[in-house]
């Protein structure tokens, strides 16, 4: 009689439990990383709609962040 290993079944259940959901989960990152939380995307979309990124102080912060990222590469 062949016995199934209990931990093999537990792994499957664990993967199902931690897998990202279609809504509110993590979306694939274009760079191949782990992903971006859906809540972050929704917040950014709301800011775009509200004109948040049109403010001069915010544009300066975004430019500084982009330049810092480019310097690190």
Protein backbone atom coordinates (compact mmCIF):
# COMPACT_ATOMS: atom_id res chain seq x y z
CA UNK A 1 0.00 0.00 0.00
CA UNK A 2 1.37 3.42 -1.00
CA UNK A 3 1.05 6.20 1.52
CA UNK A 4 0.81 9.81 0.46
CA UNK A 5 3.01 12.18 2.30
CA UNK A 6 0.85 14.55 4.39
CA UNK A 7 3.27 17.44 3.97
CA UNK A 8 2.95 17.28 0.16
CA UNK A 9 -0.78 17.94 0.47
CA UNK A 10 -0.18 20.67 3.06
CA UNK A 11 2.15 22.47 0.65
CA UNK A 12 -0.58 22.59 -1.98
CA UNK A 13 -3.08 24.00 0.50
CA UNK A 14 -0.49 26.51 1.70
CA UNK A 15 0.21 27.72 -1.85
CA UNK A 16 -3.52 28.12 -2.46
CA UNK A 17 -3.86 30.10 0.74
CA UNK A 18 -1.02 32.56 -0.03
CA UNK A 19 -1.60 32.92 -3.78
CA UNK A 20 -2.45 36.49 -4.84
CA UNK A 21 -6.08 37.24 -5.55
CA UNK A 22 -7.30 38.92 -8.72
CA UNK A 23 -8.58 41.97 -6.84
CA UNK A 24 -6.50 43.57 -4.14
CA UNK A 25 -3.64 41.16 -4.65
CA UNK A 26 -0.25 41.81 -6.14
CA UNK A 27 0.01 42.58 -9.81
CA UNK A 28 3.06 41.41 -11.76
CA UNK A 29 5.83 43.97 -11.86
CA UNK A 30 7.02 44.97 -15.33
CA UNK A 31 10.62 44.46 -14.16
CA UNK A 32 9.92 40.86 -13.14
CA UNK A 33 9.93 41.55 -9.39
CA UNK A 34 7.46 40.28 -6.85
CA UNK A 35 4.77 42.74 -7.83
CA UNK A 36 2.92 45.81 -6.71
CA UNK A 37 0.12 45.76 -4.17
CA UNK A 38 -3.25 46.51 -5.74
CA UNK A 39 -3.96 49.07 -3.03
CA UNK A 40 -0.87 51.03 -4.09
CA UNK A 41 -2.06 51.09 -7.69
CA UNK A 42 -5.53 52.26 -6.67
CA UNK A 43 -4.07 55.03 -4.48
CA UNK A 44 -1.86 56.26 -7.31
CA UNK A 45 -4.80 56.23 -9.74
CA UNK A 46 -6.87 58.29 -7.29
CA UNK A 47 -4.02 60.79 -6.95
CA UNK A 48 -3.74 61.14 -10.73
CA UNK A 49 -7.48 61.73 -11.00
CA UNK A 50 -7.37 64.37 -8.24
CA UNK A 51 -4.47 66.22 -9.89
CA UNK A 52 -2.08 65.52 -7.02
CA UNK A 53 0.88 64.98 -9.34
CA UNK A 54 0.30 68.36 -11.03
CA UNK A 55 1.42 70.23 -7.91
CA UNK A 56 4.89 71.81 -8.22
CA UNK A 57 6.13 70.43 -4.89
CA UNK A 58 5.03 66.91 -5.79
CA UNK A 59 6.61 67.12 -9.26
CA UNK A 60 9.88 68.15 -7.64
CA UNK A 61 9.74 65.15 -5.29
CA UNK A 62 9.01 62.78 -8.18
CA UNK A 63 11.89 64.18 -10.25
CA UNK A 64 14.25 63.85 -7.29
CA UNK A 65 13.17 60.25 -6.70
CA UNK A 66 13.66 59.34 -10.37
CA UNK A 67 17.12 60.95 -10.49
CA UNK A 68 18.14 59.15 -7.28
CA UNK A 69 17.00 55.84 -8.76
CA UNK A 70 18.99 56.49 -11.94
CA UNK A 71 22.10 57.34 -9.92
CA UNK A 72 21.87 53.99 -8.10
CA UNK A 73 21.97 52.08 -11.37
